[in-house]
PDB file of N, CA and C in Angstrom:
ATOM      1  N   MET A   1      65.044 -88.301-213.266  1.00  0.00           N
ATOM      2  CA  MET A   1      65.584 -86.968-213.430  1.00  0.00           C
ATOM      3  C   MET A   1      65.791 -86.374-212.036  1.00  0.00           C
ATOM      4  N   THR A   2      66.939 -85.824-211.785  1.00  0.00           N
ATOM      5  CA  THR A   2      67.208 -85.247-210.473  1.00  0.00           C
ATOM      6  C   THR A   2      66.836 -83.773-210.451  1.00  0.00           C
ATOM      7  N   ASN A   3      66.552 -83.295-209.274  1.00  0.00           N
ATOM      8  CA  ASN A   3      66.186 -81.908-209.075  1.00  0.00           C
ATOM      9  C   ASN A   3      67.414 -81.012-209.083  1.00  0.00           C
ATOM     10  N   ASP A   4      67.389 -79.979-209.888  1.00  0.00           N
ATOM     11  CA  ASP A   4      68.376 -78.915-209.777  1.00  0.00           C
ATOM     12  C   ASP A   4      68.047 -78.198-208.468  1.00  0.00           C
ATOM     13  N   ALA A   5      69.043 -77.721-207.763  1.00  0.00           N
ATOM     14  CA  ALA A   5      68.842 -77.119-206.440  1.00  0.00           C
ATOM     15  C   ALA A   5      67.829 -75.971-206.468  1.00  0.00           C
ATOM     16  N   THR A   6      67.679 -75.303-207.598  1.00  0.00           N
ATOM     17  CA  THR A   6      66.757 -74.168-207.662  1.00  0.00           C
ATOM     18  C   THR A   6      65.399 -74.523-208.261  1.00  0.00           C
ATOM     19  N   ASP A   7      65.201 -75.765-208.677  1.00  0.00           N
ATOM     20  CA  ASP A   7      63.912 -76.196-209.216  1.00  0.00           C
ATOM     21  C   ASP A   7      63.087 -76.844-208.111  1.00  0.00           C
ATOM     22  N   PRO A   8      61.895 -76.318-207.825  1.00  0.00           N
ATOM     23  CA  PRO A   8      61.044 -76.936-206.801  1.00  0.00           C
ATOM     24  C   PRO A   8      60.431 -78.255-207.256  1.00  0.00           C
ATOM     25  N   ILE A   9      60.426 -78.482-208.575  1.00  0.00           N
ATOM     26  CA  ILE A   9      59.866 -79.708-209.157  1.00  0.00           C
ATOM     27  C   ILE A   9      60.566 -79.923-210.491  1.00  0.00           C
ATOM     28  N   THR A  10      60.619 -81.163-210.932  1.00  0.00           N
ATOM     29  CA  THR A  10      61.073 -81.476-212.280  1.00  0.00           C
ATOM     30  C   THR A  10      60.031 -82.381-212.927  1.00  0.00           C
ATOM     31  N   PRO A  11      59.987 -82.401-214.246  1.00  0.00           N
ATOM     32  CA  PRO A  11      59.007 -83.259-214.915  1.00  0.00           C
ATOM     33  C   PRO A  11      59.252 -84.730-214.607  1.00  0.00           C
ATOM     34  N   VAL A  12      58.169 -85.477-214.514  1.00  0.00           N
ATOM     35  CA  VAL A  12      58.299 -86.921-214.365  1.00  0.00           C
ATOM     36  C   VAL A  12      58.560 -87.562-215.723  1.00  0.00           C
ATOM     37  N   GLU A  13      58.260 -86.816-216.784  1.00  0.00           N
ATOM     38  CA  GLU A  13      58.501 -87.292-218.142  1.00  0.00           C
ATOM     39  C   GLU A  13      58.551 -86.099-219.081  1.00  0.00           C
ATOM     40  N   ILE A  14      59.411 -86.180-220.094  1.00  0.00           N
ATOM     41  CA  ILE A  14      59.439 -85.215-221.188  1.00  0.00           C
ATOM     42  C   ILE A  14      59.322 -86.023-222.475  1.00  0.00           C
ATOM     43  N   GLU A  15      58.312 -85.696-223.287  1.00  0.00           N
ATOM     44  CA  GLU A  15      58.074 -86.401-224.538  1.00  0.00           C
ATOM     45  C   GLU A  15      58.359 -85.487-225.724  1.00  0.00           C
ATOM     46  N   HIS A  16      59.020 -86.007-226.735  1.00  0.00           N
ATOM     47  CA  HIS A  16      59.190 -85.292-228.000  1.00  0.00           C
ATOM     48  C   HIS A  16      58.261 -85.954-229.001  1.00  0.00           C
ATOM     49  N   CYS A  17      57.267 -85.198-229.469  1.00  0.00           N
ATOM     50  CA  CYS A  17      56.233 -85.761-230.338  1.00  0.00           C
ATOM     51  C   CYS A  17      56.177 -85.031-231.673  1.00  0.00           C
ATOM     52  N   VAL A  18      55.716 -85.740-232.689  1.00  0.00           N
ATOM     53  CA  VAL A  18      55.449 -85.162-233.998  1.00  0.00           C
ATOM     54  C   VAL A  18      54.080 -85.658-234.428  1.00  0.00           C
ATOM     55  N   ASP A  19      53.156 -84.725-234.687  1.00  0.00           N
ATOM     56  CA  ASP A  19      51.841 -85.060-235.224  1.00  0.00           C
ATOM     57  C   ASP A  19      51.782 -84.520-236.646  1.00  0.00           C
ATOM     58  N   GLU A  20      51.360 -85.362-237.564  1.00  0.00           N
ATOM     59  CA  GLU A  20      51.250 -84.961-238.965  1.00  0.00           C
ATOM     60  C   GLU A  20      49.836 -85.207-239.459  1.00  0.00           C
ATOM     61  N   VAL A  21      49.349 -84.287-240.271  1.00  0.00           N
ATOM     62  CA  VAL A  21      48.035 -84.406-240.894  1.00  0.00           C
ATOM     63  C   VAL A  21      48.268 -84.511-242.399  1.00  0.00           C
ATOM     64  N   TRP A  22      47.877 -85.636-242.971  1.00  0.00           N
ATOM     65  CA  TRP A  22      48.078 -85.915-244.384  1.00  0.00           C
ATOM     66  C   TRP A  22      46.752 -85.874-245.135  1.00  0.00           C
ATOM     67  N   ASP A  23      46.788 -85.386-246.347  1.00  0.00           N
ATOM     68  CA  ASP A  23      45.670 -85.480-247.280  1.00  0.00           C
ATOM     69  C   ASP A  23      46.181 -86.301-248.453  1.00  0.00           C
ATOM     70  N   GLY A  24      45.956 -87.606-248.384  1.00  0.00           N
ATOM     71  CA  GLY A  24      46.537 -88.503-249.380  1.00  0.00           C
ATOM     72  C   GLY A  24      48.045 -88.523-249.229  1.00  0.00           C
ATOM     73  N   ALA A  25      48.753 -88.137-250.274  1.00  0.00           N
ATOM     74  CA  ALA A  25      50.222 -88.110-250.257  1.00  0.00           C
ATOM     75  C   ALA A  25      50.765 -86.737-249.876  1.00  0.00           C
ATOM     76  N   SER A  26      49.876 -85.804-249.586  1.00  0.00           N
ATOM     77  CA  SER A  26      50.288 -84.426-249.302  1.00  0.00           C
ATOM     78  C   SER A  26      50.242 -84.129-247.794  1.00  0.00           C
ATOM     79  N   LEU A  27      51.363 -83.669-247.272  1.00  0.00           N
ATOM     80  CA  LEU A  27      51.425 -83.283-245.861  1.00  0.00           C
ATOM     81  C   LEU A  27      50.768 -81.915-245.695  1.00  0.00           C
ATOM     82  N   GLU A  28      49.686 -81.856-244.927  1.00  0.00           N
ATOM     83  CA  GLU A  28      48.929 -80.618-244.739  1.00  0.00           C
ATOM     84  C   GLU A  28      49.432 -79.818-243.537  1.00  0.00           C
ATOM     85  N   GLN A  29      49.686 -80.505-242.425  1.00  0.00           N
ATOM     86  CA  GLN A  29      50.131 -79.834-241.197  1.00  0.00           C
ATOM     87  C   GLN A  29      51.103 -80.738-240.475  1.00  0.00           C
ATOM     88  N   ARG A  30      52.067 -80.102-239.786  1.00  0.00           N
ATOM     89  CA  ARG A  30      53.049 -80.861-239.006  1.00  0.00           C
ATOM     90  C   ARG A  30      53.292 -80.115-237.707  1.00  0.00           C
ATOM     91  N   TYR A  31      53.133 -80.810-236.594  1.00  0.00           N
ATOM     92  CA  TYR A  31      53.347 -80.240-235.270  1.00  0.00           C
ATOM     93  C   TYR A  31      54.481 -81.004-234.600  1.00  0.00           C
ATOM     94  N   ASN A  32      55.559 -80.313-234.294  1.00  0.00           N
ATOM     95  CA  ASN A  32      56.742 -80.884-233.663  1.00  0.00           C
ATOM     96  C   ASN A  32      56.851 -80.211-232.297  1.00  0.00           C
ATOM     97  N   TYR A  33      56.706 -80.965-231.213  1.00  0.00           N
ATOM     98  CA  TYR A  33      56.605 -80.333-229.903  1.00  0.00           C
ATOM     99  C   TYR A  33      57.178 -81.198-228.793  1.00  0.00           C
ATOM    100  N   LEU A  34      57.411 -80.553-227.668  1.00  0.00           N
ATOM    101  CA  LEU A  34      57.828 -81.209-226.434  1.00  0.00           C
ATOM    102  C   LEU A  34      56.696 -81.083-225.426  1.00  0.00           C
ATOM    103  N   ASP A  35      56.357 -82.185-224.776  1.00  0.00           N
ATOM    104  CA  ASP A  35      55.393 -82.166-223.678  1.00  0.00           C
ATOM    105  C   ASP A  35      56.135 -82.467-222.380  1.00  0.00           C
ATOM    106  N   TYR A  36      55.938 -81.610-221.394  1.00  0.00           N
ATOM    107  CA  TYR A  36      56.511 -81.782-220.062  1.00  0.00           C
ATOM    108  C   TYR A  36      55.382 -82.225-219.135  1.00  0.00           C
ATOM    109  N   HIS A  37      55.565 -83.326-218.422  1.00  0.00           N
ATOM    110  CA  HIS A  37      54.543 -83.873-217.522  1.00  0.00           C
ATOM    111  C   HIS A  37      55.012 -83.709-216.075  1.00  0.00           C
ATOM    112  N   PHE A  38      54.171 -83.053-215.277  1.00  0.00           N
ATOM    113  CA  PHE A  38      54.476 -82.813-213.862  1.00  0.00           C
ATOM    114  C   PHE A  38      53.443 -83.504-212.992  1.00  0.00           C
ATOM    115  N   ASP A  39      53.892 -84.117-211.919  1.00  0.00           N
ATOM    116  CA  ASP A  39      53.007 -84.781-210.966  1.00  0.00           C
ATOM    117  C   ASP A  39      53.460 -84.406-209.562  1.00  0.00           C
ATOM    118  N   LEU A  40      52.506 -84.033-208.731  1.00  0.00           N
ATOM    119  CA  LEU A  40      52.804 -83.697-207.339  1.00  0.00           C
ATOM    120  C   LEU A  40      51.661 -84.216-206.483  1.00  0.00           C
ATOM    121  N   GLY A  41      51.937 -85.255-205.723  1.00  0.00           N
ATOM    122  CA  GLY A  41      50.924 -85.814-204.838  1.00  0.00           C
ATOM    123  C   GLY A  41      49.672 -86.263-205.562  1.00  0.00           C
ATOM    124  N   GLY A  42      49.835 -86.784-206.789  1.00  0.00           N
ATOM    125  CA  GLY A  42      48.694 -87.253-207.564  1.00  0.00           C
ATOM    126  C   GLY A  42      48.095 -86.211-208.479  1.00  0.00           C
ATOM    127  N   ALA A  43      48.319 -84.923-208.213  1.00  0.00           N
ATOM    128  CA  ALA A  43      47.840 -83.870-209.104  1.00  0.00           C
ATOM    129  C   ALA A  43      48.792 -83.765-210.295  1.00  0.00           C
ATOM    130  N   TYR A  44      48.286 -83.288-211.423  1.00  0.00           N
ATOM    131  CA  TYR A  44      49.020 -83.346-212.680  1.00  0.00           C
ATOM    132  C   TYR A  44      48.911 -82.036-213.458  1.00  0.00           C
ATOM    133  N   CYS A  45      50.015 -81.631-214.076  1.00  0.00           N
ATOM    134  CA  CYS A  45      50.058 -80.519-215.026  1.00  0.00           C
ATOM    135  C   CYS A  45      50.846 -80.973-216.244  1.00  0.00           C
ATOM    136  N   ARG A  46      50.522 -80.380-217.384  1.00  0.00           N
ATOM    137  CA  ARG A  46      51.271 -80.638-218.615  1.00  0.00           C
ATOM    138  C   ARG A  46      51.641 -79.311-219.237  1.00  0.00           C
ATOM    139  N   ALA A  47      52.832 -79.247-219.803  1.00  0.00           N
ATOM    140  CA  ALA A  47      53.263 -78.050-220.525  1.00  0.00           C
ATOM    141  C   ALA A  47      53.687 -78.474-221.922  1.00  0.00           C
ATOM    142  N   ARG A  48      53.410 -77.610-222.903  1.00  0.00           N
ATOM    143  CA  ARG A  48      53.776 -77.919-224.289  1.00  0.00           C
ATOM    144  C   ARG A  48      54.541 -76.754-224.890  1.00  0.00           C
ATOM    145  N   ALA A  49      55.658 -77.109-225.563  1.00  0.00           N
ATOM    146  CA  ALA A  49      56.450 -76.144-226.310  1.00  0.00           C
ATOM    147  C   ALA A  49      56.606 -76.650-227.732  1.00  0.00           C
ATOM    148  N   TYR A  50      56.200 -75.827-228.701  1.00  0.00           N
ATOM    149  CA  TYR A  50      56.361 -76.191-230.104  1.00  0.00           C
ATOM    150  C   TYR A  50      57.771 -75.823-230.544  1.00  0.00           C
ATOM    151  N   ILE A  51      58.421 -76.741-231.238  1.00  0.00           N
ATOM    152  CA  ILE A  51      59.810 -76.544-231.634  1.00  0.00           C
ATOM    153  C   ILE A  51      59.971 -75.314-232.521  1.00  0.00           C
ATOM    154  N   ASP A  52      58.992 -75.025-233.370  1.00  0.00           N
ATOM    155  CA  ASP A  52      59.115 -73.860-234.252  1.00  0.00           C
ATOM    156  C   ASP A  52      58.860 -72.533-233.528  1.00  0.00           C
ATOM    157  N   ASP A  53      58.455 -72.584-232.275  1.00  0.00           N
ATOM    158  CA  ASP A  53      58.273 -71.392-231.434  1.00  0.00           C
ATOM    159  C   ASP A  53      58.842 -71.719-230.052  1.00  0.00           C
ATOM    160  N   ILE A  54      60.093 -72.118-230.014  1.00  0.00           N
ATOM    161  CA  ILE A  54      60.693 -72.706-228.819  1.00  0.00           C
ATOM    162  C   ILE A  54      60.864 -71.713-227.662  1.00  0.00           C
ATOM    163  N   ASP A  55      60.649 -70.438-227.880  1.00  0.00           N
ATOM    164  CA  ASP A  55      60.730 -69.464-226.786  1.00  0.00           C
ATOM    165  C   ASP A  55      59.476 -69.445-225.918  1.00  0.00           C
ATOM    166  N   THR A  56      58.429 -70.137-226.343  1.00  0.00           N
ATOM    167  CA  THR A  56      57.142 -70.100-225.649  1.00  0.00           C
ATOM    168  C   THR A  56      56.721 -71.499-225.222  1.00  0.00           C
ATOM    169  N   VAL A  57      56.218 -71.590-223.996  1.00  0.00           N
ATOM    170  CA  VAL A  57      55.657 -72.844-223.495  1.00  0.00           C
ATOM    171  C   VAL A  57      54.302 -72.520-222.869  1.00  0.00           C
ATOM    172  N   THR A  58      53.356 -73.446-222.978  1.00  0.00           N
ATOM    173  CA  THR A  58      52.023 -73.264-222.408  1.00  0.00           C
ATOM    174  C   THR A  58      51.781 -74.337-221.364  1.00  0.00           C
ATOM    175  N   LEU A  59      51.357 -73.903-220.176  1.00  0.00           N
ATOM    176  CA  LEU A  59      51.083 -74.801-219.062  1.00  0.00           C
ATOM    177  C   LEU A  59      49.584 -75.056-218.971  1.00  0.00           C
ATOM    178  N   PHE A  60      49.205 -76.328-218.886  1.00  0.00           N
ATOM    179  CA  PHE A  60      47.807 -76.750-218.776  1.00  0.00           C
ATOM    180  C   PHE A  60      47.596 -77.415-217.417  1.00  0.00           C
ATOM    181  N   GLY A  61      46.490 -77.086-216.776  1.00  0.00           N
ATOM    182  CA  GLY A  61      46.182 -77.706-215.487  1.00  0.00           C
ATOM    183  C   GLY A  61      46.348 -76.718-214.355  1.00  0.00           C
ATOM    184  N   PRO A  62      46.356 -77.232-213.168  1.00  0.00           N
ATOM    185  CA  PRO A  62      46.442 -78.615-212.719  1.00  0.00           C
ATOM    186  C   PRO A  62      45.117 -79.366-212.855  1.00  0.00           C
ATOM    187  N   PHE A  63      45.292 -80.675-213.073  1.00  0.00           N
ATOM    188  CA  PHE A  63      44.187 -81.608-213.190  1.00  0.00           C
ATOM    189  C   PHE A  63      44.264 -82.609-212.045  1.00  0.00           C
ATOM    190  N   ASP A  64      43.152 -83.316-211.808  1.00  0.00           N
ATOM    191  CA  ASP A  64      43.140 -84.244-210.676  1.00  0.00           C
ATOM    192  C   ASP A  64      44.011 -85.477-210.909  1.00  0.00           C
ATOM    193  N   HIS A  65      44.340 -85.813-212.170  1.00  0.00           N
ATOM    194  CA  HIS A  65      45.302 -86.868-212.479  1.00  0.00           C
ATOM    195  C   HIS A  65      45.630 -86.815-213.969  1.00  0.00           C
ATOM    196  N   ARG A  66      46.689 -87.496-214.349  1.00  0.00           N
ATOM    197  CA  ARG A  66      47.087 -87.548-215.758  1.00  0.00           C
ATOM    198  C   ARG A  66      45.992 -88.220-216.565  1.00  0.00           C
ATOM    199  N   GLY A  67      45.674 -87.629-217.703  1.00  0.00           N
ATOM    200  CA  GLY A  67      44.610 -88.158-218.546  1.00  0.00           C
ATOM    201  C   GLY A  67      43.261 -87.526-218.258  1.00  0.00           C
ATOM    202  N   SER A  68      43.175 -86.736-217.206  1.00  0.00           N
ATOM    203  CA  SER A  68      41.926 -86.084-216.819  1.00  0.00           C
ATOM    204  C   SER A  68      41.893 -84.653-217.345  1.00  0.00           C
ATOM    205  N   LEU A  69      40.694 -84.153-217.583  1.00  0.00           N
ATOM    206  CA  LEU A  69      40.494 -82.744-217.918  1.00  0.00           C
ATOM    207  C   LEU A  69      39.781 -82.018-216.782  1.00  0.00           C
ATOM    208  N   SER A  70      39.635 -82.677-215.634  1.00  0.00           N
ATOM    209  CA  SER A  70      38.985 -82.077-214.470  1.00  0.00           C
ATOM    210  C   SER A  70      39.992 -81.213-213.728  1.00  0.00           C
ATOM    211  N   LYS A  71      39.822 -79.900-213.867  1.00  0.00           N
ATOM    212  CA  LYS A  71      40.745 -78.972-213.214  1.00  0.00           C
ATOM    213  C   LYS A  71      40.533 -78.982-211.705  1.00  0.00           C
ATOM    214  N   ILE A  72      41.632 -78.798-210.995  1.00  0.00           N
ATOM    215  CA  ILE A  72      41.585 -78.717-209.544  1.00  0.00           C
ATOM    216  C   ILE A  72      42.386 -77.505-209.087  1.00  0.00           C
ATOM    217  N   ASP A  73      42.167 -77.111-207.866  1.00  0.00           N
ATOM    218  CA  ASP A  73      42.884 -75.981-207.283  1.00  0.00           C
ATOM    219  C   ASP A  73      44.130 -76.510-206.574  1.00  0.00           C
ATOM    220  N   ARG A  74      45.263 -76.443-207.248  1.00  0.00           N
ATOM    221  CA  ARG A  74      46.546 -76.856-206.672  1.00  0.00           C
ATOM    222  C   ARG A  74      47.585 -75.796-207.010  1.00  0.00           C
ATOM    223  N   PRO A  75      47.479 -74.627-206.361  1.00  0.00           N
ATOM    224  CA  PRO A  75      48.426 -73.550-206.671  1.00  0.00           C
ATOM    225  C   PRO A  75      49.877 -73.947-206.407  1.00  0.00           C
ATOM    226  N   ASP A  76      50.134 -74.893-205.490  1.00  0.00           N
ATOM    227  CA  ASP A  76      51.501 -75.331-205.228  1.00  0.00           C
ATOM    228  C   ASP A  76      52.107 -76.010-206.451  1.00  0.00           C
ATOM    229  N   LEU A  77      51.339 -76.873-207.110  1.00  0.00           N
ATOM    230  CA  LEU A  77      51.813 -77.550-208.311  1.00  0.00           C
ATOM    231  C   LEU A  77      51.963 -76.563-209.463  1.00  0.00           C
ATOM    232  N   GLN A  78      50.977 -75.701-209.638  1.00  0.00           N
ATOM    233  CA  GLN A  78      51.033 -74.720-210.721  1.00  0.00           C
ATOM    234  C   GLN A  78      52.248 -73.807-210.558  1.00  0.00           C
ATOM    235  N   ARG A  79      52.492 -73.353-209.348  1.00  0.00           N
ATOM    236  CA  ARG A  79      53.626 -72.460-209.100  1.00  0.00           C
ATOM    237  C   ARG A  79      54.954 -73.185-209.285  1.00  0.00           C
ATOM    238  N   ALA A  80      55.082 -74.404-208.794  1.00  0.00           N
ATOM    239  CA  ALA A  80      56.321 -75.165-208.936  1.00  0.00           C
ATOM    240  C   ALA A  80      56.629 -75.420-210.410  1.00  0.00           C
ATOM    241  N   ALA A  81      55.624 -75.833-211.185  1.00  0.00           N
ATOM    242  CA  ALA A  81      55.828 -76.073-212.617  1.00  0.00           C
ATOM    243  C   ALA A  81      56.179 -74.770-213.338  1.00  0.00           C
ATOM    244  N   THR A  82      55.544 -73.676-212.952  1.00  0.00           N
ATOM    245  CA  THR A  82      55.832 -72.379-213.565  1.00  0.00           C
ATOM    246  C   THR A  82      57.278 -71.962-213.301  1.00  0.00           C
ATOM    247  N   ILE A  83      57.753 -72.139-212.084  1.00  0.00           N
ATOM    248  CA  ILE A  83      59.146 -71.797-211.761  1.00  0.00           C
ATOM    249  C   ILE A  83      60.103 -72.618-212.622  1.00  0.00           C
ATOM    250  N   TYR A  84      59.858 -73.911-212.727  1.00  0.00           N
ATOM    251  CA  TYR A  84      60.694 -74.775-213.569  1.00  0.00           C
ATOM    252  C   TYR A  84      60.713 -74.248-215.007  1.00  0.00           C
ATOM    253  N   LEU A  85      59.544 -73.957-215.563  1.00  0.00           N
ATOM    254  CA  LEU A  85      59.442 -73.518-216.950  1.00  0.00           C
ATOM    255  C   LEU A  85      60.043 -72.136-217.169  1.00  0.00           C
ATOM    256  N   GLU A  86      59.874 -71.227-216.221  1.00  0.00           N
ATOM    257  CA  GLU A  86      60.418 -69.869-216.367  1.00  0.00           C
ATOM    258  C   GLU A  86      61.943 -69.861-216.437  1.00  0.00           C
ATOM    259  N   ARG A  87      62.583 -70.851-215.853  1.00  0.00           N
ATOM    260  CA  ARG A  87      64.045 -70.945-215.937  1.00  0.00           C
ATOM    261  C   ARG A  87      64.499 -71.387-217.321  1.00  0.00           C
ATOM    262  N   ARG A  88      63.593 -71.911-218.122  1.00  0.00           N
ATOM    263  CA  ARG A  88      63.957 -72.500-219.417  1.00  0.00           C
ATOM    264  C   ARG A  88      63.349 -71.822-220.627  1.00  0.00           C
ATOM    265  N   PHE A  89      62.276 -71.064-220.446  1.00  0.00           N
ATOM    266  CA  PHE A  89      61.579 -70.423-221.544  1.00  0.00           C
ATOM    267  C   PHE A  89      61.355 -68.949-221.245  1.00  0.00           C
ATOM    268  N   PRO A  90      61.590 -68.068-222.231  1.00  0.00           N
ATOM    269  CA  PRO A  90      61.330 -66.636-222.010  1.00  0.00           C
ATOM    270  C   PRO A  90      59.847 -66.309-221.802  1.00  0.00           C
ATOM    271  N   VAL A  91      58.951 -67.099-222.420  1.00  0.00           N
ATOM    272  CA  VAL A  91      57.511 -66.818-222.335  1.00  0.00           C
ATOM    273  C   VAL A  91      56.805 -68.073-221.807  1.00  0.00           C
ATOM    274  N   VAL A  92      56.089 -67.935-220.683  1.00  0.00           N
ATOM    275  CA  VAL A  92      55.291 -69.017-220.125  1.00  0.00           C
ATOM    276  C   VAL A  92      53.839 -68.562-220.115  1.00  0.00           C
ATOM    277  N   LYS A  93      53.003 -69.270-220.859  1.00  0.00           N
ATOM    278  CA  LYS A  93      51.563 -68.991-220.887  1.00  0.00           C
ATOM    279  C   LYS A  93      50.850 -70.021-220.044  1.00  0.00           C
ATOM    280  N   ARG A  94      49.685 -69.663-219.523  1.00  0.00           N
ATOM    281  CA  ARG A  94      48.881 -70.592-218.727  1.00  0.00           C
ATOM    282  C   ARG A  94      47.472 -70.648-219.290  1.00  0.00           C
ATOM    283  N   LEU A  95      46.962 -71.869-219.437  1.00  0.00           N
ATOM    284  CA  LEU A  95      45.568 -72.052-219.892  1.00  0.00           C
ATOM    285  C   LEU A  95      44.787 -72.794-218.836  1.00  0.00           C
TER     286      LEU A  95
END
């Protein structure tokens, strides 16, 4: 994926996922979402947008690497990912 001139970072991967919770033959819950994966110098952030609430995205991290839940202080990565997301979503939440 190439960088748009105004994006300080772009995702290294965008995944479209569907998680379903079944009780026998009955569908109980369905989650349809996009995950955006950002990496900068080994540090990692993930953002998730649910298709049924596509105006909102939530940014998680930064973490010390993908697959980790160990938060680190990388304001450069957090800010770059936030700028990218703010250009695409009206509401950006951070956890």
